[in-house]
Amino acid sequence: MDLDEWSEVSRRCVGYKAAVVQRDERDRGERAVLNLGHTTAHAIERCTGYGRVGHGFAVALGLLVALRVSEEVVECPRELRARTTEVMERLGLPTRLELPPVRDLLEAMQWDKKVEAGTSGFVGLSALGSPVRGMDVPRSVLAAALEEVRV
């Protein structure tokens, strides 16, 4: 993509985020969709030491985990993860990293601010542009998804 195309993508993303925040200024509902990929990202950052894996890279991996989980839990089309992986690779973003053991990542996820009353607060997608918040994700599904982004 050229600079004009990137500018348009950025403009649209910022516009979407601003609209969501405006509708949910107190972060009590819809705004949770902006956390897509962040549950995993925060666990990666916590387990690897803050700053060792950049936040954007951690969110990119978290997005792949969220898409893999979404395939199992809310039947997100598998093509979406394949397409996302392809785009990330073309952009030079990691699709796998050397990460701590899955059990450590799962433990770190329990400390995420979105965890409420024993639920993960996990955000996924049922389709492109259709976020699902507060997903109840079986530990085995999450563990398998985390394993797929580890080297």
Foldseek 3Di string as FASTA:
>chain_A
DDPVVVVVVVVVVVVVLVVQCVVPVPPDPSNLLVCQQVLLLQLQCVQVPHPPQDSVLSSLLSNLLQAQQCCVQQNEDPVVSVVSVVVCVVVVRANAEATPQLVSSVVSSCVDPCDDPNFSQHWHANYVVRIDTRGRTPPVSSNVSNVRRYD
